[in-house]
Amino acid sequence: MEITLRSIATTGNSRKEAIDDNWGDITSEITLEPHIPSEAFEGIESFSHLEIIFYFDKVDDTKVVFSGHPRGNPDYPLMGIFCQRKKDRPNKIGLCTVQLLARNGRSIKVKGLDAIDGTPVLDIKPVFKEFLPSKEVLQPEWVSDLMKNYW
């Protein structure tokens, strides 16, 4: 099945290239596209965190992978793409939980979005405590090593 989506917003920030680490100090402005009315942000200020769903529009279709060593590091185990969060995915969809810093009309300012400048946003959802895991989150040891400089 083929699905067609239209971006609802665009990101703006200082990160021009998809570099794996040091996203912690990046703040982004997410601005609604002209076809989305500003009331779509009505009440968003009452949430501290949002989930941003975005499209890796700069990923070359020939670079999409289905398995590999995370970040190409042979010290990490061979893992399927659905066990990784890399951009070279079959549908090129990214997901990130961010802190909402402010709203200014048709734009919101967020911290913790690992999307480069100009990235199309597909959807924005508020973080509800009730949707967070109720049990301990488990992950392999290599993930902590891989993420040590990410934020």
N, C-alpha and C. Protein backbone atom coordinates (compact mmCIF):
# COMPACT_ATOMS: atom_id res chain seq x y z
N MET A 1 0.84 -1.17 0.00
CA MET A 1 0.00 0.00 0.00
C MET A 1 0.90 1.24 0.00
N GLU A 2 0.57 2.18 -0.82
CA GLU A 2 1.29 3.44 -0.84
C GLU A 2 0.48 4.48 -0.10
N ILE A 3 1.16 5.28 0.70
CA ILE A 3 0.52 6.31 1.51
C ILE A 3 1.15 7.65 1.14
N THR A 4 0.34 8.65 0.94
CA THR A 4 0.84 9.98 0.63
C THR A 4 0.59 10.89 1.83
N LEU A 5 1.64 11.57 2.28
CA LEU A 5 1.54 12.50 3.40
C LEU A 5 1.96 13.89 2.93
N ARG A 6 1.48 14.90 3.63
CA ARG A 6 1.83 16.28 3.36
C ARG A 6 2.39 16.88 4.64
N SER A 7 3.51 17.56 4.55
CA SER A 7 4.10 18.13 5.77
C SER A 7 3.16 19.17 6.38
N ILE A 8 3.17 19.23 7.70
CA ILE A 8 2.33 20.19 8.41
C ILE A 8 3.15 21.36 8.94
N ALA A 9 4.48 21.19 8.94
CA ALA A 9 5.37 22.23 9.46
C ALA A 9 6.78 21.96 8.95
N THR A 10 7.67 22.91 9.21
CA THR A 10 9.07 22.78 8.83
C THR A 10 9.93 23.20 10.00
N THR A 11 11.06 22.53 10.16
CA THR A 11 11.99 22.87 11.23
C THR A 11 12.97 23.95 10.77
N GLY A 12 13.42 24.72 11.73
CA GLY A 12 14.47 25.70 11.49
C GLY A 12 15.44 25.65 12.65
N ASN A 13 16.72 25.45 12.36
CA ASN A 13 17.75 25.44 13.41
C ASN A 13 19.13 25.64 12.79
N SER A 14 20.16 25.57 13.61
CA SER A 14 21.53 25.82 13.14
C SER A 14 22.20 24.58 12.57
N ARG A 15 21.59 23.41 12.69
CA ARG A 15 22.21 22.16 12.23
C ARG A 15 21.88 21.95 10.76
N LYS A 16 22.88 22.06 9.90
CA LYS A 16 22.67 21.96 8.44
C LYS A 16 22.98 20.57 7.90
N GLU A 17 23.70 19.75 8.66
CA GLU A 17 24.06 18.40 8.22
C GLU A 17 23.62 17.38 9.26
N ALA A 18 23.34 16.17 8.80
CA ALA A 18 22.92 15.08 9.70
C ALA A 18 24.16 14.47 10.34
N ILE A 19 24.56 15.04 11.46
CA ILE A 19 25.70 14.55 12.23
C ILE A 19 25.14 13.82 13.44
N ASP A 20 25.75 12.67 13.79
CA ASP A 20 25.16 11.81 14.81
C ASP A 20 25.16 12.36 16.24
N ASP A 21 26.11 13.18 16.62
CA ASP A 21 26.24 13.56 18.03
C ASP A 21 26.03 15.05 18.27
N ASN A 22 26.02 15.39 19.57
CA ASN A 22 25.99 16.77 20.04
C ASN A 22 24.71 17.53 19.67
N TRP A 23 23.58 16.92 19.90
CA TRP A 23 22.29 17.57 19.64
C TRP A 23 21.76 18.31 20.86
N GLY A 24 22.37 18.14 22.03
CA GLY A 24 21.82 18.64 23.28
C GLY A 24 21.60 20.13 23.35
N ASP A 25 22.43 20.93 22.69
CA ASP A 25 22.30 22.38 22.75
C ASP A 25 21.50 22.97 21.60
N ILE A 26 21.00 22.12 20.71
CA ILE A 26 20.27 22.60 19.55
C ILE A 26 18.82 22.93 19.93
N THR A 27 18.42 24.16 19.65
CA THR A 27 17.01 24.51 19.76
C THR A 27 16.48 24.69 18.35
N SER A 28 15.24 24.34 18.16
CA SER A 28 14.62 24.40 16.83
C SER A 28 13.32 25.18 16.90
N GLU A 29 13.02 25.83 15.79
CA GLU A 29 11.72 26.47 15.63
C GLU A 29 10.94 25.65 14.63
N ILE A 30 9.75 25.27 14.99
CA ILE A 30 8.87 24.50 14.11
C ILE A 30 7.75 25.44 13.70
N THR A 31 7.66 25.70 12.40
CA THR A 31 6.69 26.66 11.87
C THR A 31 5.66 25.94 11.00
N LEU A 32 4.41 26.21 11.28
CA LEU A 32 3.33 25.58 10.52
C LEU A 32 3.37 25.99 9.05
N GLU A 33 3.02 25.05 8.19
CA GLU A 33 2.90 25.32 6.77
C GLU A 33 1.65 26.18 6.55
N PRO A 34 1.59 26.94 5.45
CA PRO A 34 0.46 27.85 5.21
C PRO A 34 -0.91 27.17 5.22
N HIS A 35 -1.00 25.90 4.83
CA HIS A 35 -2.31 25.23 4.78
C HIS A 35 -2.81 24.75 6.14
N ILE A 36 -1.99 24.91 7.19
CA ILE A 36 -2.39 24.51 8.54
C ILE A 36 -2.73 25.79 9.32
N PRO A 37 -3.95 25.92 9.84
CA PRO A 37 -4.31 27.13 10.58
C PRO A 37 -3.59 27.22 11.93
N SER A 38 -3.37 28.43 12.39
CA SER A 38 -2.64 28.63 13.64
C SER A 38 -3.34 28.03 14.84
N GLU A 39 -4.66 27.86 14.76
CA GLU A 39 -5.38 27.27 15.90
C GLU A 39 -4.97 25.81 16.15
N ALA A 40 -4.24 25.21 15.23
CA ALA A 40 -3.73 23.85 15.46
C ALA A 40 -2.80 23.81 16.68
N PHE A 41 -2.22 24.97 17.05
CA PHE A 41 -1.35 25.06 18.23
C PHE A 41 -2.11 25.53 19.48
N GLU A 42 -3.41 25.74 19.38
CA GLU A 42 -4.18 26.24 20.51
C GLU A 42 -4.03 25.31 21.72
N GLY A 43 -3.56 25.86 22.85
CA GLY A 43 -3.41 25.10 24.09
C GLY A 43 -2.10 24.33 24.22
N ILE A 44 -1.25 24.40 23.23
CA ILE A 44 -0.01 23.61 23.26
C ILE A 44 0.90 24.02 24.42
N GLU A 45 0.78 25.28 24.86
CA GLU A 45 1.62 25.79 25.96
C GLU A 45 1.40 25.05 27.27
N SER A 46 0.30 24.33 27.40
CA SER A 46 0.02 23.62 28.65
C SER A 46 0.78 22.30 28.76
N PHE A 47 1.54 21.94 27.73
CA PHE A 47 2.35 20.72 27.74
C PHE A 47 3.83 21.07 27.84
N SER A 48 4.56 20.24 28.55
CA SER A 48 6.01 20.46 28.67
C SER A 48 6.78 19.77 27.56
N HIS A 49 6.25 18.66 27.03
CA HIS A 49 6.96 17.87 26.03
C HIS A 49 6.02 17.47 24.89
N LEU A 50 6.63 17.35 23.72
CA LEU A 50 5.89 16.97 22.52
C LEU A 50 6.63 15.86 21.80
N GLU A 51 5.89 15.09 21.03
CA GLU A 51 6.51 14.11 20.13
C GLU A 51 6.43 14.69 18.73
N ILE A 52 7.58 14.76 18.08
CA ILE A 52 7.66 15.31 16.73
C ILE A 52 7.92 14.15 15.77
N ILE A 53 7.06 14.00 14.79
CA ILE A 53 7.22 12.97 13.77
C ILE A 53 7.63 13.71 12.50
N PHE A 54 8.77 13.32 11.94
CA PHE A 54 9.31 14.06 10.82
C PHE A 54 9.82 13.13 9.73
N TYR A 55 10.17 13.72 8.60
CA TYR A 55 10.56 12.95 7.42
C TYR A 55 12.01 13.26 7.07
N PHE A 56 12.83 12.21 6.99
CA PHE A 56 14.23 12.36 6.60
C PHE A 56 14.31 12.59 5.09
N ASP A 57 13.97 13.79 4.67
CA ASP A 57 13.86 14.10 3.24
C ASP A 57 15.19 14.12 2.50
N LYS A 58 16.30 14.21 3.21
CA LYS A 58 17.61 14.26 2.55
C LYS A 58 18.25 12.88 2.38
N VAL A 59 17.61 11.83 2.90
CA VAL A 59 18.16 10.48 2.77
C VAL A 59 17.94 9.99 1.34
N ASP A 60 19.02 9.58 0.72
CA ASP A 60 18.99 9.01 -0.63
C ASP A 60 18.35 7.63 -0.56
N ASP A 61 17.38 7.36 -1.42
CA ASP A 61 16.69 6.06 -1.42
C ASP A 61 17.67 4.89 -1.56
N THR A 62 18.79 5.10 -2.22
CA THR A 62 19.77 4.02 -2.39
C THR A 62 20.55 3.75 -1.11
N LYS A 63 20.43 4.62 -0.11
CA LYS A 63 21.15 4.47 1.17
C LYS A 63 20.31 3.74 2.23
N VAL A 64 19.04 3.48 1.93
CA VAL A 64 18.17 2.79 2.88
C VAL A 64 18.72 1.40 3.15
N VAL A 65 18.74 1.00 4.43
CA VAL A 65 19.27 -0.31 4.82
C VAL A 65 18.23 -1.07 5.65
N PHE A 66 18.42 -2.37 5.73
CA PHE A 66 17.52 -3.20 6.53
C PHE A 66 18.22 -3.87 7.70
N SER A 67 19.56 -3.87 7.68
CA SER A 67 20.33 -4.36 8.81
C SER A 67 21.75 -3.82 8.69
N GLY A 68 22.47 -3.93 9.78
CA GLY A 68 23.86 -3.48 9.80
C GLY A 68 24.30 -3.25 11.23
N HIS A 69 25.58 -2.95 11.37
CA HIS A 69 26.11 -2.59 12.69
C HIS A 69 25.72 -1.14 12.96
N PRO A 70 25.16 -0.84 14.13
CA PRO A 70 24.80 0.55 14.44
C PRO A 70 26.00 1.47 14.22
N ARG A 71 25.75 2.56 13.49
CA ARG A 71 26.75 3.56 13.10
C ARG A 71 27.92 2.93 12.35
N GLY A 72 27.72 1.75 11.79
CA GLY A 72 28.78 1.09 11.03
C GLY A 72 29.92 0.59 11.90
N ASN A 73 29.71 0.52 13.20
CA ASN A 73 30.76 0.11 14.14
C ASN A 73 30.72 -1.41 14.33
N PRO A 74 31.75 -2.13 13.85
CA PRO A 74 31.75 -3.59 13.97
C PRO A 74 31.83 -4.08 15.42
N ASP A 75 32.12 -3.18 16.36
CA ASP A 75 32.11 -3.57 17.78
C ASP A 75 30.69 -3.73 18.31
N TYR A 76 29.73 -3.15 17.60
CA TYR A 76 28.33 -3.32 17.96
C TYR A 76 27.77 -4.51 17.19
N PRO A 77 26.75 -5.18 17.73
CA PRO A 77 26.20 -6.36 17.04
C PRO A 77 25.46 -5.98 15.76
N LEU A 78 25.36 -6.93 14.87
CA LEU A 78 24.55 -6.76 13.67
C LEU A 78 23.09 -6.68 14.10
N MET A 79 22.40 -5.62 13.69
CA MET A 79 21.02 -5.39 14.13
C MET A 79 20.16 -5.01 12.94
N GLY A 80 18.90 -5.44 12.95
CA GLY A 80 17.95 -5.03 11.94
C GLY A 80 17.61 -3.55 12.08
N ILE A 81 17.16 -2.94 11.01
CA ILE A 81 16.85 -1.51 11.02
C ILE A 81 15.79 -1.17 12.07
N PHE A 82 14.88 -2.09 12.37
CA PHE A 82 13.83 -1.81 13.35
C PHE A 82 14.33 -1.97 14.79
N CYS A 83 15.63 -2.24 14.95
CA CYS A 83 16.29 -2.27 16.25
C CYS A 83 17.24 -1.08 16.39
N GLN A 84 17.17 -0.17 15.46
CA GLN A 84 18.02 1.02 15.44
C GLN A 84 17.14 2.25 15.19
N ARG A 85 17.72 3.42 15.42
CA ARG A 85 16.97 4.67 15.21
C ARG A 85 17.61 5.52 14.12
N LYS A 86 18.38 4.89 13.24
CA LYS A 86 19.08 5.64 12.21
C LYS A 86 18.14 6.17 11.13
N LYS A 87 18.63 7.15 10.39
CA LYS A 87 17.81 7.83 9.39
C LYS A 87 17.59 7.04 8.12
N ASP A 88 18.43 6.07 7.83
CA ASP A 88 18.38 5.32 6.57
C ASP A 88 17.34 4.20 6.63
N ARG A 89 16.11 4.56 6.89
CA ARG A 89 15.01 3.63 7.13
C ARG A 89 14.15 3.46 5.88
N PRO A 90 13.39 2.38 5.79
CA PRO A 90 12.54 2.17 4.61
C PRO A 90 11.58 3.33 4.33
N ASN A 91 10.94 3.89 5.35
CA ASN A 91 10.00 5.00 5.13
C ASN A 91 10.57 6.34 5.56
N LYS A 92 11.81 6.37 6.00
CA LYS A 92 12.53 7.61 6.32
C LYS A 92 11.77 8.50 7.32
N ILE A 93 11.14 7.86 8.30
CA ILE A 93 10.37 8.60 9.31
C ILE A 93 11.19 8.68 10.60
N GLY A 94 11.26 9.88 11.15
CA GLY A 94 11.92 10.11 12.43
C GLY A 94 10.90 10.45 13.51
N LEU A 95 11.27 10.16 14.74
CA LEU A 95 10.41 10.43 15.89
C LEU A 95 11.30 10.90 17.03
N CYS A 96 10.93 11.98 17.67
CA CYS A 96 11.74 12.51 18.76
C CYS A 96 10.84 13.17 19.79
N THR A 97 11.12 12.94 21.07
CA THR A 97 10.43 13.63 22.15
C THR A 97 11.23 14.88 22.48
N VAL A 98 10.57 16.02 22.49
CA VAL A 98 11.24 17.30 22.71
C VAL A 98 10.61 18.05 23.86
N GLN A 99 11.36 19.01 24.38
CA GLN A 99 10.83 19.92 25.39
C GLN A 99 10.29 21.15 24.67
N LEU A 100 9.07 21.53 25.01
CA LEU A 100 8.49 22.74 24.46
C LEU A 100 8.99 23.93 25.26
N LEU A 101 9.61 24.89 24.59
CA LEU A 101 10.14 26.07 25.26
C LEU A 101 9.19 27.26 25.16
N ALA A 102 8.55 27.43 24.00
CA ALA A 102 7.67 28.59 23.82
C ALA A 102 6.82 28.41 22.56
N ARG A 103 5.72 29.16 22.53
CA ARG A 103 4.92 29.28 21.31
C ARG A 103 4.89 30.75 20.92
N ASN A 104 5.02 31.00 19.63
CA ASN A 104 4.91 32.35 19.11
C ASN A 104 4.06 32.30 17.85
N GLY A 105 2.75 32.43 18.02
CA GLY A 105 1.83 32.41 16.89
C GLY A 105 1.84 31.08 16.16
N ARG A 106 2.39 31.06 14.94
CA ARG A 106 2.40 29.86 14.10
C ARG A 106 3.66 29.02 14.30
N SER A 107 4.48 29.38 15.27
CA SER A 107 5.73 28.66 15.51
C SER A 107 5.85 28.24 16.96
N ILE A 108 6.56 27.14 17.16
CA ILE A 108 6.93 26.73 18.52
C ILE A 108 8.44 26.56 18.56
N LYS A 109 9.01 26.84 19.71
CA LYS A 109 10.44 26.66 19.93
C LYS A 109 10.60 25.43 20.81
N VAL A 110 11.47 24.49 20.39
CA VAL A 110 11.65 23.24 21.12
C VAL A 110 13.13 22.95 21.33
N LYS A 111 13.42 22.13 22.30
CA LYS A 111 14.79 21.67 22.56
C LYS A 111 14.80 20.15 22.53
N GLY A 112 15.84 19.60 21.89
CA GLY A 112 15.99 18.16 21.85
C GLY A 112 15.50 17.51 20.57
N LEU A 113 15.28 18.30 19.53
CA LEU A 113 14.86 17.73 18.25
C LEU A 113 16.10 17.43 17.41
N ASP A 114 16.26 16.17 17.04
CA ASP A 114 17.43 15.77 16.25
C ASP A 114 17.10 15.72 14.76
N ALA A 115 16.58 16.82 14.26
CA ALA A 115 16.26 16.97 12.84
C ALA A 115 16.99 18.20 12.32
N ILE A 116 17.55 18.11 11.14
CA ILE A 116 18.31 19.23 10.59
C ILE A 116 17.40 20.33 10.08
N ASP A 117 17.99 21.49 9.85
CA ASP A 117 17.29 22.66 9.34
C ASP A 117 16.52 22.34 8.06
N GLY A 118 15.26 22.73 8.03
CA GLY A 118 14.44 22.52 6.85
C GLY A 118 13.72 21.19 6.78
N THR A 119 13.86 20.36 7.80
CA THR A 119 13.21 19.04 7.79
C THR A 119 11.69 19.18 7.85
N PRO A 120 10.97 18.46 6.98
CA PRO A 120 9.51 18.49 7.03
C PRO A 120 8.97 17.73 8.24
N VAL A 121 8.00 18.33 8.91
CA VAL A 121 7.34 17.71 10.06
C VAL A 121 6.02 17.12 9.58
N LEU A 122 5.78 15.86 9.96
CA LEU A 122 4.56 15.16 9.54
C LEU A 122 3.44 15.27 10.56
N ASP A 123 3.82 15.33 11.85
CA ASP A 123 2.80 15.42 12.90
C ASP A 123 3.47 15.86 14.19
N ILE A 124 2.66 16.37 15.09
CA ILE A 124 3.09 16.79 16.43
C ILE A 124 2.05 16.28 17.40
N LYS A 125 2.52 15.62 18.45
CA LYS A 125 1.59 15.11 19.47
C LYS A 125 2.11 15.49 20.85
N PRO A 126 1.22 15.80 21.78
CA PRO A 126 1.66 16.08 23.15
C PRO A 126 2.06 14.78 23.83
N VAL A 127 3.00 14.88 24.76
CA VAL A 127 3.38 13.72 25.56
C VAL A 127 2.40 13.64 26.74
N PHE A 128 1.72 12.52 26.84
CA PHE A 128 0.85 12.23 27.98
C PHE A 128 1.60 11.26 28.88
N LYS A 129 1.61 11.51 30.18
CA LYS A 129 2.25 10.58 31.12
C LYS A 129 1.69 9.17 30.96
N GLU A 130 0.41 9.09 30.68
CA GLU A 130 -0.25 7.79 30.60
C GLU A 130 0.21 6.96 29.39
N PHE A 131 0.85 7.59 28.41
CA PHE A 131 1.38 6.86 27.27
C PHE A 131 2.85 6.46 27.47
N LEU A 132 3.48 6.96 28.52
CA LEU A 132 4.87 6.57 28.80
C LEU A 132 4.90 5.14 29.32
N PRO A 133 6.01 4.44 29.15
CA PRO A 133 6.07 3.05 29.63
C PRO A 133 5.80 2.96 31.13
N SER A 134 5.00 1.98 31.51
CA SER A 134 4.71 1.78 32.93
C SER A 134 5.72 0.83 33.58
N LYS A 135 6.49 0.17 32.77
CA LYS A 135 7.52 -0.76 33.27
C LYS A 135 8.89 -0.21 32.90
N GLU A 136 9.93 -0.78 33.48
CA GLU A 136 11.31 -0.36 33.20
C GLU A 136 11.63 -0.55 31.72
N VAL A 137 12.30 0.43 31.15
CA VAL A 137 12.74 0.35 29.76
C VAL A 137 14.05 -0.42 29.71
N LEU A 138 14.09 -1.47 28.89
CA LEU A 138 15.29 -2.29 28.74
C LEU A 138 15.91 -2.06 27.38
N GLN A 139 17.24 -2.11 27.33
CA GLN A 139 17.96 -1.97 26.07
C GLN A 139 19.32 -2.65 26.20
N PRO A 140 19.91 -3.05 25.06
CA PRO A 140 21.25 -3.65 25.10
C PRO A 140 22.29 -2.63 25.55
N GLU A 141 23.41 -3.10 26.07
CA GLU A 141 24.48 -2.23 26.56
C GLU A 141 25.05 -1.32 25.47
N TRP A 142 25.11 -1.81 24.23
CA TRP A 142 25.72 -1.01 23.16
C TRP A 142 24.98 0.30 22.93
N VAL A 143 23.69 0.34 23.26
CA VAL A 143 22.91 1.56 23.03
C VAL A 143 23.43 2.70 23.90
N SER A 144 23.72 2.44 25.15
CA SER A 144 24.24 3.48 26.04
C SER A 144 25.58 3.99 25.54
N ASP A 145 26.42 3.09 25.03
CA ASP A 145 27.71 3.51 24.48
C ASP A 145 27.51 4.38 23.25
N LEU A 146 26.63 3.97 22.36
CA LEU A 146 26.35 4.71 21.14
C LEU A 146 25.79 6.10 21.45
N MET A 147 24.98 6.22 22.47
CA MET A 147 24.29 7.48 22.79
C MET A 147 25.06 8.41 23.73
N LYS A 148 26.25 8.02 24.19
CA LYS A 148 26.95 8.79 25.23
C LYS A 148 27.23 10.25 24.85
N ASN A 149 27.39 10.57 23.58
CA ASN A 149 27.64 11.95 23.15
C ASN A 149 26.51 12.53 22.32
N TYR A 150 25.39 11.81 22.23
CA TYR A 150 24.30 12.24 21.37
C TYR A 150 23.68 13.56 21.84
N TRP A 151 23.35 13.63 23.11
CA TRP A 151 22.74 14.83 23.65
C TRP A 151 23.79 15.65 24.34
